[in-house]
Amino acid sequence: MERSGTWAETLLTFIQRYPGVHLREIRRRLGIPIGTLDYHLYRLGRQGLVSVRMQGGYKVCFPETLIGEGPPIPEPDKVLIALLRQPVPRAILLQLYLEGPASPQSVGAAVGASGPNLSYFLKRLEALGALDREGAPGQRVVRLIDAKRIHEILLRYPPLPESAIDRFVRFWSELHP
C-alpha cells in the first residue's frame, strides 16, 4: 500500500505522461482504489495541476502543465487526444496516415472495426476536423485533413503501453475468433 503523497505523485506523473487518459484506465493501470483516486484527482485539481472532464461518456484527465514543458495542451488537441486513447480511433488515424486515403470499408477491415463502430468514430473524427469523407455513398473516400498535425499528436502523446492482460486478451481473441 502506498502512502498518500506517493499516490498523488504517481497519479500526476501518469497523467502528465499520458494526457487524456480515462479514469477507469488510470485505476486499472495504477491499481489505485477508486475512492483514493477521486480524492487525489480532486486535490490535484484544486492545486491547478490537473483537470478532469467528461468526454464521449468517459471521465478524462489532463495535466495543466506537461513534464518539462510550459504551456498547457491547446483545447482542440485535448478533445482529439482523449479520443485517441481509445484503440479504434487511434487505429483509424494511423491507417490513414500510413496508407493514405481509402474507402470506409477498407479502413474498417484494416482496423478490425464493425460497421456501426467505424461509422461512429469516423463521424467523431470528422467533427473534430481530423478527417474528411468525400464522394457519393458507395464511392466514399476517407482522408486525413492535416496529416502533419495528426503525426505530431501521435508522436507527442504516445499510447499507453500494452499490459500483460491486454496481450493475453488479444492473443486469446486471435485463437478463438
C-alpha atoms as a PDB file:
ATOM      1  CA  MET A   1       0.000   0.000   0.000  1.00  0.00           C
ATOM      2  CA  GLU A   2       1.401   3.385  -0.979  1.00  0.00           C
ATOM      3  CA  ARG A   3       1.409   6.479   1.185  1.00  0.00           C
ATOM      4  CA  SER A   4      -0.905   9.363   0.323  1.00  0.00           C
ATOM      5  CA  GLY A   5       1.860  11.624  -1.035  1.00  0.00           C
ATOM      6  CA  THR A   6       3.170   8.868  -3.255  1.00  0.00           C
ATOM      7  CA  TRP A   7      -0.304   8.219  -4.729  1.00  0.00           C
ATOM      8  CA  ALA A   8      -0.624  11.886  -5.699  1.00  0.00           C
ATOM      9  CA  GLU A   9       2.868  11.985  -7.224  1.00  0.00           C
ATOM     10  CA  THR A  10       2.324   8.735  -9.110  1.00  0.00           C
ATOM     11  CA  LEU A  11      -1.044   9.936 -10.377  1.00  0.00           C
ATOM     12  CA  LEU A  12       0.262  13.330 -11.510  1.00  0.00           C
ATOM     13  CA  THR A  13       3.224  11.773 -13.314  1.00  0.00           C
ATOM     14  CA  PHE A  14       0.960   9.254 -15.056  1.00  0.00           C
ATOM     15  CA  ILE A  15      -1.459  11.951 -16.229  1.00  0.00           C
ATOM     16  CA  GLN A  16       1.440  14.123 -17.424  1.00  0.00           C
ATOM     17  CA  ARG A  17       2.887  11.203 -19.371  1.00  0.00           C
ATOM     18  CA  TYR A  18      -0.486  10.114 -20.817  1.00  0.00           C
ATOM     19  CA  PRO A  19      -2.762  13.178 -21.163  1.00  0.00           C
ATOM     20  CA  GLY A  20      -6.384  12.414 -21.953  1.00  0.00           C
ATOM     21  CA  VAL A  21      -6.277   9.092 -20.123  1.00  0.00           C
ATOM     22  CA  HIS A  22      -9.637   7.736 -18.960  1.00  0.00           C
ATOM     23  CA  LEU A  23     -10.345   7.471 -15.246  1.00  0.00           C
ATOM     24  CA  ARG A  24     -11.044   3.728 -15.458  1.00  0.00           C
ATOM     25  CA  GLU A  25      -7.737   3.191 -17.264  1.00  0.00           C
ATOM     26  CA  ILE A  26      -5.845   5.060 -14.535  1.00  0.00           C
ATOM     27  CA  ARG A  27      -7.475   2.885 -11.909  1.00  0.00           C
ATOM     28  CA  ARG A  28      -6.693  -0.272 -13.863  1.00  0.00           C
ATOM     29  CA  ARG A  29      -3.091   0.647 -14.656  1.00  0.00           C
ATOM     30  CA  LEU A  30      -2.059   2.090 -11.303  1.00  0.00           C
ATOM     31  CA  GLY A  31      -4.220  -0.062  -9.026  1.00  0.00           C
ATOM     32  CA  ILE A  32      -5.411   2.973  -7.085  1.00  0.00           C
ATOM     33  CA  PRO A  33      -8.708   2.361  -5.243  1.00  0.00           C
ATOM     34  CA  ILE A  34     -11.482   4.483  -6.792  1.00  0.00           C
ATOM     35  CA  GLY A  35     -12.085   6.489  -3.614  1.00  0.00           C
ATOM     36  CA  THR A  36      -8.392   7.299  -3.312  1.00  0.00           C
ATOM     37  CA  LEU A  37      -8.231   8.163  -6.998  1.00  0.00           C
ATOM     38  CA  ASP A  38     -11.208  10.537  -6.751  1.00  0.00           C
ATOM     39  CA  TYR A  39      -9.725  12.179  -3.655  1.00  0.00           C
ATOM     40  CA  HIS A  40      -6.328  12.807  -5.257  1.00  0.00           C
ATOM     41  CA  LEU A  41      -7.811  13.996  -8.542  1.00  0.00           C
ATOM     42  CA  TYR A  42      -9.906  16.478  -6.559  1.00  0.00           C
ATOM     43  CA  ARG A  43      -6.828  17.681  -4.616  1.00  0.00           C
ATOM     44  CA  LEU A  44      -4.661  17.921  -7.741  1.00  0.00           C
ATOM     45  CA  GLY A  45      -7.466  19.819  -9.469  1.00  0.00           C
ATOM     46  CA  ARG A  46      -7.770  22.292  -6.580  1.00  0.00           C
ATOM     47  CA  GLN A  47      -3.994  22.864  -6.805  1.00  0.00           C
ATOM     48  CA  GLY A  48      -4.358  23.636 -10.519  1.00  0.00           C
ATOM     49  CA  LEU A  49      -2.259  20.642 -11.576  1.00  0.00           C
ATOM     50  CA  VAL A  50      -4.871  18.530 -13.393  1.00  0.00           C
ATOM     51  CA  SER A  51      -8.332  18.883 -14.885  1.00  0.00           C
ATOM     52  CA  VAL A  52     -10.973  16.175 -15.161  1.00  0.00           C
ATOM     53  CA  ARG A  53     -13.871  16.372 -17.588  1.00  0.00           C
ATOM     54  CA  MET A  54     -16.464  14.223 -19.273  1.00  0.00           C
ATOM     55  CA  GLN A  55     -15.830  13.450 -22.911  1.00  0.00           C
ATOM     56  CA  GLY A  56     -17.545  10.826 -25.014  1.00  0.00           C
ATOM     57  CA  GLY A  57     -19.056   9.195 -21.933  1.00  0.00           C
ATOM     58  CA  TYR A  58     -15.705   8.933 -20.147  1.00  0.00           C
ATOM     59  CA  LYS A  59     -14.045  10.965 -17.429  1.00  0.00           C
ATOM     60  CA  VAL A  60     -10.705  12.028 -18.882  1.00  0.00           C
ATOM     61  CA  CYS A  61      -7.767  13.670 -17.129  1.00  0.00           C
ATOM     62  CA  PHE A  62      -5.352  16.278 -18.423  1.00  0.00           C
ATOM     63  CA  PRO A  63      -2.317  17.881 -16.813  1.00  0.00           C
ATOM     64  CA  GLU A  64      -2.295  21.653 -16.626  1.00  0.00           C
ATOM     65  CA  THR A  65       1.459  21.513 -17.342  1.00  0.00           C
ATOM     66  CA  LEU A  66       3.400  18.781 -19.099  1.00  0.00           C
ATOM     67  CA  ILE A  67       6.596  17.249 -17.780  1.00  0.00           C
ATOM     68  CA  GLY A  68       9.452  19.635 -18.595  1.00  0.00           C
ATOM     69  CA  GLU A  69       7.247  21.876 -20.741  1.00  0.00           C
ATOM     70  CA  GLY A  70       5.488  25.155 -20.209  1.00  0.00           C
ATOM     71  CA  PRO A  71       2.109  25.780 -21.816  1.00  0.00           C
ATOM     72  CA  PRO A  72      -0.897  23.524 -21.331  1.00  0.00           C
ATOM     73  CA  ILE A  73      -2.287  21.420 -24.156  1.00  0.00           C
ATOM     74  CA  PRO A  74      -4.413  23.506 -26.561  1.00  0.00           C
ATOM     75  CA  GLU A  75      -8.152  22.860 -26.156  1.00  0.00           C
ATOM     76  CA  PRO A  76      -8.746  21.463 -29.692  1.00  0.00           C
ATOM     77  CA  ASP A  77      -5.926  18.975 -29.157  1.00  0.00           C
ATOM     78  CA  LYS A  78      -7.372  17.803 -25.815  1.00  0.00           C
ATOM     79  CA  VAL A  79     -10.536  16.512 -27.455  1.00  0.00           C
ATOM     80  CA  LEU A  80      -8.559  14.650 -30.108  1.00  0.00           C
ATOM     81  CA  ILE A  81      -6.018  13.249 -27.619  1.00  0.00           C
ATOM     82  CA  ALA A  82      -8.755  11.841 -25.370  1.00  0.00           C
ATOM     83  CA  LEU A  83     -10.370  10.188 -28.376  1.00  0.00           C
ATOM     84  CA  LEU A  84      -7.013   8.744 -29.430  1.00  0.00           C
ATOM     85  CA  ARG A  85      -6.699   6.992 -26.056  1.00  0.00           C
ATOM     86  CA  GLN A  86      -9.263   4.572 -27.488  1.00  0.00           C
ATOM     87  CA  PRO A  87      -7.904   1.856 -29.795  1.00  0.00           C
ATOM     88  CA  VAL A  88     -10.300   2.183 -32.757  1.00  0.00           C
ATOM     89  CA  PRO A  89      -9.922   5.937 -33.435  1.00  0.00           C
ATOM     90  CA  ARG A  90      -6.166   5.640 -32.980  1.00  0.00           C
ATOM     91  CA  ALA A  91      -6.028   2.726 -35.441  1.00  0.00           C
ATOM     92  CA  ILE A  92      -8.172   4.650 -37.958  1.00  0.00           C
ATOM     93  CA  LEU A  93      -5.863   7.665 -37.938  1.00  0.00           C
ATOM     94  CA  LEU A  94      -2.726   5.516 -38.064  1.00  0.00           C
ATOM     95  CA  GLN A  95      -4.156   3.545 -41.000  1.00  0.00           C
ATOM     96  CA  LEU A  96      -4.975   6.717 -42.932  1.00  0.00           C
ATOM     97  CA  TYR A  97      -1.623   8.274 -42.050  1.00  0.00           C
ATOM     98  CA  LEU A  98       0.377   5.248 -43.156  1.00  0.00           C
ATOM     99  CA  GLU A  99      -1.704   4.106 -46.147  1.00  0.00           C
ATOM    100  CA  GLY A 100      -3.357   7.320 -47.331  1.00  0.00           C
ATOM    101  CA  PRO A 101      -6.978   7.897 -48.378  1.00  0.00           C
ATOM    102  CA  ALA A 102      -9.167   4.815 -48.529  1.00  0.00           C
ATOM    103  CA  SER A 103     -12.771   3.683 -48.620  1.00  0.00           C
ATOM    104  CA  PRO A 104     -14.508   3.373 -45.250  1.00  0.00           C
ATOM    105  CA  GLN A 105     -14.869  -0.369 -45.876  1.00  0.00           C
ATOM    106  CA  SER A 106     -11.129  -0.873 -46.363  1.00  0.00           C
ATOM    107  CA  VAL A 107     -10.340   1.260 -43.288  1.00  0.00           C
ATOM    108  CA  GLY A 108     -12.813  -0.807 -41.246  1.00  0.00           C
ATOM    109  CA  ALA A 109     -11.300  -4.067 -42.480  1.00  0.00           C
ATOM    110  CA  ALA A 110      -7.755  -2.856 -41.758  1.00  0.00           C
ATOM    111  CA  VAL A 111      -8.540  -1.783 -38.182  1.00  0.00           C
ATOM    112  CA  GLY A 112     -10.981  -4.597 -37.394  1.00  0.00           C
ATOM    113  CA  ALA A 113     -13.950  -2.332 -36.640  1.00  0.00           C
ATOM    114  CA  SER A 114     -17.579  -3.250 -37.216  1.00  0.00           C
ATOM    115  CA  GLY A 115     -19.671  -1.026 -39.499  1.00  0.00           C
ATOM    116  CA  PRO A 116     -21.550   0.827 -36.739  1.00  0.00           C
ATOM    117  CA  ASN A 117     -18.412   1.241 -34.612  1.00  0.00           C
ATOM    118  CA  LEU A 118     -16.433   2.514 -37.584  1.00  0.00           C
ATOM    119  CA  SER A 119     -19.208   4.907 -38.594  1.00  0.00           C
ATOM    120  CA  TYR A 120     -19.433   6.304 -35.053  1.00  0.00           C
ATOM    121  CA  PHE A 121     -15.713   7.041 -34.846  1.00  0.00           C
ATOM    122  CA  LEU A 122     -15.468   8.372 -38.401  1.00  0.00           C
ATOM    123  CA  LYS A 123     -18.219  10.882 -37.557  1.00  0.00           C
ATOM    124  CA  ARG A 124     -16.443  11.901 -34.326  1.00  0.00           C
ATOM    125  CA  LEU A 125     -13.079  12.311 -36.076  1.00  0.00           C
ATOM    126  CA  GLU A 126     -14.716  14.256 -38.895  1.00  0.00           C
ATOM    127  CA  ALA A 127     -16.422  16.585 -36.381  1.00  0.00           C
ATOM    128  CA  LEU A 128     -13.006  17.244 -34.803  1.00  0.00           C
ATOM    129  CA  GLY A 129     -11.552  18.212 -38.174  1.00  0.00           C
ATOM    130  CA  ALA A 130      -9.140  15.272 -38.222  1.00  0.00           C
ATOM    131  CA  LEU A 131     -10.522  13.620 -41.357  1.00  0.00           C
ATOM    132  CA  ASP A 132     -12.896  14.175 -44.215  1.00  0.00           C
ATOM    133  CA  ARG A 133     -15.230  11.815 -46.051  1.00  0.00           C
ATOM    134  CA  GLU A 134     -15.639  12.691 -49.739  1.00  0.00           C
ATOM    135  CA  GLY A 135     -17.734  11.276 -52.551  1.00  0.00           C
ATOM    136  CA  ALA A 136     -21.136   9.759 -53.006  1.00  0.00           C
ATOM    137  CA  PRO A 137     -22.301   6.826 -50.864  1.00  0.00           C
ATOM    138  CA  GLY A 138     -20.710   3.660 -52.164  1.00  0.00           C
ATOM    139  CA  GLN A 139     -17.808   5.629 -53.642  1.00  0.00           C
ATOM    140  CA  ARG A 140     -16.826   7.492 -50.490  1.00  0.00           C
ATOM    141  CA  VAL A 141     -13.166   8.017 -49.592  1.00  0.00           C
ATOM    142  CA  VAL A 142     -11.809   8.916 -46.157  1.00  0.00           C
ATOM    143  CA  ARG A 143      -8.700  11.096 -45.903  1.00  0.00           C
ATOM    144  CA  LEU A 144      -6.791  12.995 -43.243  1.00  0.00           C
ATOM    145  CA  ILE A 145      -7.256  16.756 -43.350  1.00  0.00           C
ATOM    146  CA  ASP A 146      -3.951  17.680 -41.707  1.00  0.00           C
ATOM    147  CA  ALA A 147      -1.596  14.687 -41.739  1.00  0.00           C
ATOM    148  CA  LYS A 148       1.214  16.743 -40.182  1.00  0.00           C
ATOM    149  CA  ARG A 149      -0.920  17.674 -37.141  1.00  0.00           C
ATOM    150  CA  ILE A 150      -2.030  14.061 -36.661  1.00  0.00           C
ATOM    151  CA  HIS A 151       1.584  12.908 -36.951  1.00  0.00           C
ATOM    152  CA  GLU A 152       2.717  15.424 -34.318  1.00  0.00           C
ATOM    153  CA  ILE A 153      -0.057  14.465 -31.892  1.00  0.00           C
ATOM    154  CA  LEU A 154       0.522  10.736 -32.328  1.00  0.00           C
ATOM    155  CA  LEU A 155       4.248  11.189 -31.671  1.00  0.00           C
ATOM    156  CA  ARG A 156       3.896  13.652 -28.815  1.00  0.00           C
ATOM    157  CA  TYR A 157       1.244  11.695 -26.905  1.00  0.00           C
ATOM    158  CA  PRO A 158       2.123   8.004 -27.198  1.00  0.00           C
ATOM    159  CA  PRO A 159      -0.394   5.276 -26.399  1.00  0.00           C
ATOM    160  CA  LEU A 160      -0.378   3.548 -23.058  1.00  0.00           C
ATOM    161  CA  PRO A 161       1.963   0.582 -23.095  1.00  0.00           C
ATOM    162  CA  GLU A 162       0.216  -2.726 -23.627  1.00  0.00           C
ATOM    163  CA  SER A 163      -0.146  -4.610 -20.346  1.00  0.00           C
ATOM    164  CA  ALA A 164       0.214  -8.370 -19.883  1.00  0.00           C
ATOM    165  CA  ILE A 165      -3.581  -8.603 -19.590  1.00  0.00           C
ATOM    166  CA  ASP A 166      -4.037  -6.711 -22.867  1.00  0.00           C
ATOM    167  CA  ARG A 167      -1.604  -9.052 -24.623  1.00  0.00           C
ATOM    168  CA  PHE A 168      -3.391 -12.124 -23.214  1.00  0.00           C
ATOM    169  CA  VAL A 169      -6.843 -10.875 -24.285  1.00  0.00           C
ATOM    170  CA  ARG A 170      -5.550 -10.077 -27.791  1.00  0.00           C
ATOM    171  CA  PHE A 171      -3.821 -13.480 -28.013  1.00  0.00           C
ATOM    172  CA  TRP A 172      -6.932 -15.316 -26.758  1.00  0.00           C
ATOM    173  CA  SER A 173      -9.256 -13.478 -29.154  1.00  0.00           C
ATOM    174  CA  GLU A 174      -6.966 -14.349 -32.068  1.00  0.00           C
ATOM    175  CA  LEU A 175      -7.125 -18.028 -31.106  1.00  0.00           C
ATOM    176  CA  HIS A 176     -10.931 -18.013 -30.753  1.00  0.00           C
ATOM    177  CA  PRO A 177     -12.360 -15.727 -33.445  1.00  0.00           C
END
